[in-house]
Amino acid sequence: MTADTERPASASAGTAQAGIRPSTASAASGALRGEEAFLIEQHHDGTVSFTITAFSRPATLLAKAAGPAGRAVQRYLTARYLQALAS
């Protein structure tokens, strides 16, 4: 998602039954100015959940100058990304 004050974007469905561990796959990437984590789980009932956690801080002077407008663009693009995943 965006700035350090934002909540991570996530989408998930289903829950694991007690005693049955879901199948999982995950990946993470980090840098000085941001991190992303992706988690995919297949639950006992066949449902699949996909969780994305991301945050960033402006690293360049141009990004810092964009300020709130830059964060608004990131929120918009993140929402579009999540809509594409949902369809």
N, C-alpha and C. Protein backbone atom coordinates (compact mmCIF):
# COMPACT_ATOMS: atom_id res chain seq x y z
N MET A 1 0.85 -1.17 0.00
CA MET A 1 0.00 0.00 0.00
C MET A 1 0.89 1.23 0.00
N THR A 2 0.80 2.10 0.96
CA THR A 2 1.54 3.36 0.85
C THR A 2 2.27 3.72 2.14
N ALA A 3 2.08 4.91 2.58
CA ALA A 3 2.85 5.53 3.66
C ALA A 3 2.85 4.71 4.94
N ASP A 4 3.81 5.05 5.82
CA ASP A 4 3.97 4.30 7.04
C ASP A 4 2.78 4.40 7.99
N THR A 5 1.86 5.30 7.77
CA THR A 5 0.70 5.42 8.63
C THR A 5 -0.50 4.65 8.09
N GLU A 6 -0.38 4.07 6.93
CA GLU A 6 -1.50 3.36 6.30
C GLU A 6 -1.60 1.93 6.83
N ARG A 7 -2.82 1.41 6.80
CA ARG A 7 -3.01 0.01 7.13
C ARG A 7 -2.71 -0.83 5.91
N PRO A 8 -2.23 -2.07 6.10
CA PRO A 8 -1.95 -2.92 4.96
C PRO A 8 -3.22 -3.34 4.24
N ALA A 9 -3.11 -3.54 2.95
CA ALA A 9 -4.22 -4.06 2.17
C ALA A 9 -4.23 -5.56 2.32
N SER A 10 -5.40 -6.14 2.52
CA SER A 10 -5.44 -7.59 2.62
C SER A 10 -6.79 -8.10 2.15
N ALA A 11 -6.79 -9.32 1.70
CA ALA A 11 -8.01 -10.00 1.30
C ALA A 11 -7.88 -11.43 1.78
N SER A 12 -8.87 -11.93 2.49
CA SER A 12 -8.80 -13.31 2.93
C SER A 12 -10.21 -13.89 3.03
N ALA A 13 -10.28 -15.21 2.94
CA ALA A 13 -11.57 -15.89 3.03
C ALA A 13 -11.36 -17.23 3.70
N GLY A 14 -12.35 -17.67 4.45
CA GLY A 14 -12.30 -18.99 5.04
C GLY A 14 -11.44 -19.04 6.30
N THR A 15 -11.64 -20.10 7.09
CA THR A 15 -10.81 -20.30 8.26
C THR A 15 -10.45 -21.77 8.34
N ALA A 16 -9.35 -22.07 8.95
CA ALA A 16 -8.91 -23.46 9.09
C ALA A 16 -9.63 -24.11 10.25
N GLN A 17 -9.98 -25.37 10.09
CA GLN A 17 -10.64 -26.13 11.14
C GLN A 17 -9.59 -26.51 12.19
N ALA A 18 -9.99 -26.55 13.44
CA ALA A 18 -9.06 -26.88 14.52
C ALA A 18 -8.38 -28.21 14.23
N GLY A 19 -7.07 -28.25 14.35
CA GLY A 19 -6.32 -29.48 14.17
C GLY A 19 -5.94 -29.77 12.72
N ILE A 20 -6.49 -29.03 11.77
CA ILE A 20 -6.15 -29.23 10.37
C ILE A 20 -5.40 -28.01 9.87
N ARG A 21 -4.18 -28.21 9.47
CA ARG A 21 -3.36 -27.09 9.04
C ARG A 21 -3.54 -26.86 7.54
N PRO A 22 -3.81 -25.62 7.14
CA PRO A 22 -3.98 -25.34 5.71
C PRO A 22 -2.64 -25.39 4.98
N SER A 23 -2.68 -25.59 3.68
CA SER A 23 -1.48 -25.50 2.86
C SER A 23 -1.17 -24.03 2.66
N THR A 24 0.09 -23.66 2.78
CA THR A 24 0.46 -22.26 2.65
C THR A 24 1.67 -22.09 1.74
N ALA A 25 1.74 -20.92 1.14
CA ALA A 25 2.92 -20.48 0.40
C ALA A 25 3.06 -19.01 0.66
N SER A 26 4.29 -18.54 0.82
CA SER A 26 4.48 -17.13 1.11
C SER A 26 5.78 -16.62 0.49
N ALA A 27 5.83 -15.31 0.33
CA ALA A 27 7.04 -14.65 -0.17
C ALA A 27 7.07 -13.26 0.45
N ALA A 28 8.27 -12.74 0.62
CA ALA A 28 8.42 -11.39 1.17
C ALA A 28 9.59 -10.70 0.49
N SER A 29 9.49 -9.39 0.42
CA SER A 29 10.53 -8.58 -0.17
C SER A 29 10.67 -7.32 0.66
N GLY A 30 11.89 -6.93 0.93
CA GLY A 30 12.08 -5.73 1.74
C GLY A 30 13.23 -4.89 1.23
N ALA A 31 13.14 -3.62 1.47
CA ALA A 31 14.20 -2.67 1.13
C ALA A 31 14.21 -1.59 2.20
N LEU A 32 15.10 -0.65 2.08
CA LEU A 32 15.19 0.41 3.08
C LEU A 32 13.91 1.24 3.16
N ARG A 33 13.21 1.40 2.06
CA ARG A 33 12.04 2.29 2.04
C ARG A 33 10.70 1.57 1.90
N GLY A 34 10.67 0.25 2.00
CA GLY A 34 9.38 -0.41 1.93
C GLY A 34 9.50 -1.92 1.99
N GLU A 35 8.39 -2.55 2.24
CA GLU A 35 8.35 -4.01 2.31
C GLU A 35 7.02 -4.50 1.76
N GLU A 36 7.04 -5.75 1.27
CA GLU A 36 5.83 -6.41 0.80
C GLU A 36 5.87 -7.85 1.26
N ALA A 37 4.71 -8.39 1.59
CA ALA A 37 4.59 -9.80 1.93
C ALA A 37 3.33 -10.35 1.28
N PHE A 38 3.42 -11.57 0.76
CA PHE A 38 2.31 -12.23 0.09
C PHE A 38 2.13 -13.59 0.74
N LEU A 39 0.90 -13.93 1.08
CA LEU A 39 0.60 -15.21 1.71
C LEU A 39 -0.62 -15.82 1.02
N ILE A 40 -0.47 -17.05 0.56
CA ILE A 40 -1.58 -17.78 -0.06
C ILE A 40 -1.83 -19.01 0.79
N GLU A 41 -3.09 -19.23 1.17
CA GLU A 41 -3.46 -20.39 1.97
C GLU A 41 -4.61 -21.13 1.31
N GLN A 42 -4.50 -22.45 1.25
CA GLN A 42 -5.63 -23.28 0.83
C GLN A 42 -6.13 -23.99 2.08
N HIS A 43 -7.40 -23.76 2.41
CA HIS A 43 -7.98 -24.28 3.63
C HIS A 43 -8.58 -25.67 3.42
N HIS A 44 -8.93 -26.32 4.52
CA HIS A 44 -9.45 -27.68 4.49
C HIS A 44 -10.69 -27.83 3.61
N ASP A 45 -11.49 -26.78 3.50
CA ASP A 45 -12.73 -26.85 2.72
C ASP A 45 -12.51 -26.45 1.26
N GLY A 46 -11.25 -26.24 0.86
CA GLY A 46 -10.95 -25.91 -0.52
C GLY A 46 -10.88 -24.42 -0.81
N THR A 47 -11.31 -23.58 0.13
CA THR A 47 -11.23 -22.13 -0.11
C THR A 47 -9.77 -21.69 -0.08
N VAL A 48 -9.50 -20.66 -0.80
CA VAL A 48 -8.15 -20.11 -0.88
C VAL A 48 -8.18 -18.66 -0.44
N SER A 49 -7.25 -18.27 0.41
CA SER A 49 -7.15 -16.87 0.80
C SER A 49 -5.78 -16.34 0.36
N PHE A 50 -5.78 -15.07 0.02
CA PHE A 50 -4.57 -14.40 -0.46
C PHE A 50 -4.44 -13.11 0.33
N THR A 51 -3.37 -12.98 1.10
CA THR A 51 -3.17 -11.81 1.93
C THR A 51 -1.94 -11.05 1.43
N ILE A 52 -2.11 -9.75 1.24
CA ILE A 52 -1.02 -8.89 0.81
C ILE A 52 -0.80 -7.85 1.90
N THR A 53 0.43 -7.69 2.31
CA THR A 53 0.79 -6.64 3.27
C THR A 53 1.93 -5.85 2.65
N ALA A 54 1.76 -4.54 2.55
CA ALA A 54 2.80 -3.71 1.94
C ALA A 54 2.81 -2.33 2.56
N PHE A 55 3.99 -1.76 2.65
CA PHE A 55 4.11 -0.36 3.05
C PHE A 55 5.37 0.22 2.43
N SER A 56 5.39 1.52 2.31
CA SER A 56 6.56 2.18 1.73
C SER A 56 6.68 3.60 2.27
N ARG A 57 7.85 4.15 2.09
CA ARG A 57 8.14 5.54 2.41
C ARG A 57 8.76 6.16 1.16
N PRO A 58 8.51 7.43 0.92
CA PRO A 58 9.11 8.06 -0.26
C PRO A 58 10.64 8.04 -0.17
N ALA A 59 11.28 7.59 -1.25
CA ALA A 59 12.74 7.47 -1.25
C ALA A 59 13.42 8.59 -2.03
N THR A 60 12.71 9.20 -2.96
CA THR A 60 13.33 10.24 -3.78
C THR A 60 12.73 11.60 -3.46
N LEU A 61 13.43 12.64 -3.86
CA LEU A 61 12.93 13.99 -3.64
C LEU A 61 11.59 14.20 -4.34
N LEU A 62 11.46 13.66 -5.56
CA LEU A 62 10.20 13.79 -6.30
C LEU A 62 9.05 13.11 -5.55
N ALA A 63 9.30 11.91 -5.03
CA ALA A 63 8.27 11.19 -4.28
C ALA A 63 7.90 11.95 -3.00
N LYS A 64 8.88 12.51 -2.35
CA LYS A 64 8.60 13.29 -1.14
C LYS A 64 7.81 14.55 -1.47
N ALA A 65 8.13 15.18 -2.60
CA ALA A 65 7.42 16.39 -3.02
C ALA A 65 5.97 16.09 -3.38
N ALA A 66 5.70 14.88 -3.84
CA ALA A 66 4.33 14.50 -4.20
C ALA A 66 3.43 14.46 -2.96
N GLY A 67 4.02 14.16 -1.82
CA GLY A 67 3.30 14.18 -0.55
C GLY A 67 1.98 13.44 -0.58
N PRO A 68 0.91 14.07 -0.08
CA PRO A 68 -0.41 13.43 -0.03
C PRO A 68 -0.94 13.01 -1.40
N ALA A 69 -0.61 13.77 -2.44
CA ALA A 69 -1.08 13.40 -3.79
C ALA A 69 -0.45 12.08 -4.22
N GLY A 70 0.83 11.88 -3.91
CA GLY A 70 1.50 10.62 -4.24
C GLY A 70 0.89 9.45 -3.49
N ARG A 71 0.55 9.66 -2.22
CA ARG A 71 -0.09 8.60 -1.44
C ARG A 71 -1.48 8.29 -1.98
N ALA A 72 -2.19 9.32 -2.43
CA ALA A 72 -3.53 9.10 -3.01
C ALA A 72 -3.42 8.26 -4.28
N VAL A 73 -2.42 8.53 -5.09
CA VAL A 73 -2.22 7.73 -6.31
C VAL A 73 -1.90 6.29 -5.94
N GLN A 74 -1.06 6.07 -4.94
CA GLN A 74 -0.76 4.71 -4.50
C GLN A 74 -1.99 3.99 -4.00
N ARG A 75 -2.83 4.68 -3.21
CA ARG A 75 -4.07 4.06 -2.72
C ARG A 75 -4.98 3.68 -3.88
N TYR A 76 -5.11 4.56 -4.86
CA TYR A 76 -5.94 4.30 -6.04
C TYR A 76 -5.42 3.07 -6.79
N LEU A 77 -4.13 3.02 -7.04
CA LEU A 77 -3.56 1.89 -7.78
C LEU A 77 -3.68 0.58 -6.99
N THR A 78 -3.52 0.65 -5.67
CA THR A 78 -3.70 -0.54 -4.85
C THR A 78 -5.14 -1.04 -4.91
N ALA A 79 -6.09 -0.13 -4.85
CA ALA A 79 -7.51 -0.52 -4.95
C ALA A 79 -7.80 -1.18 -6.29
N ARG A 80 -7.25 -0.64 -7.37
CA ARG A 80 -7.43 -1.25 -8.70
C ARG A 80 -6.81 -2.65 -8.76
N TYR A 81 -5.65 -2.80 -8.15
CA TYR A 81 -4.98 -4.09 -8.10
C TYR A 81 -5.85 -5.11 -7.37
N LEU A 82 -6.40 -4.71 -6.22
CA LEU A 82 -7.25 -5.63 -5.45
C LEU A 82 -8.54 -5.96 -6.20
N GLN A 83 -9.10 -5.00 -6.93
CA GLN A 83 -10.30 -5.27 -7.74
C GLN A 83 -9.97 -6.29 -8.83
N ALA A 84 -8.81 -6.17 -9.44
CA ALA A 84 -8.42 -7.12 -10.48
C ALA A 84 -8.26 -8.53 -9.90
N LEU A 85 -7.72 -8.62 -8.69
CA LEU A 85 -7.57 -9.93 -8.06
C LEU A 85 -8.92 -10.55 -7.72
N ALA A 86 -9.87 -9.71 -7.35
CA ALA A 86 -11.20 -10.20 -6.96
C ALA A 86 -12.02 -10.69 -8.14
N SER A 87 -11.72 -10.21 -9.33
CA SER A 87 -12.55 -10.63 -10.48
C SER A 87 -11.98 -11.79 -11.22
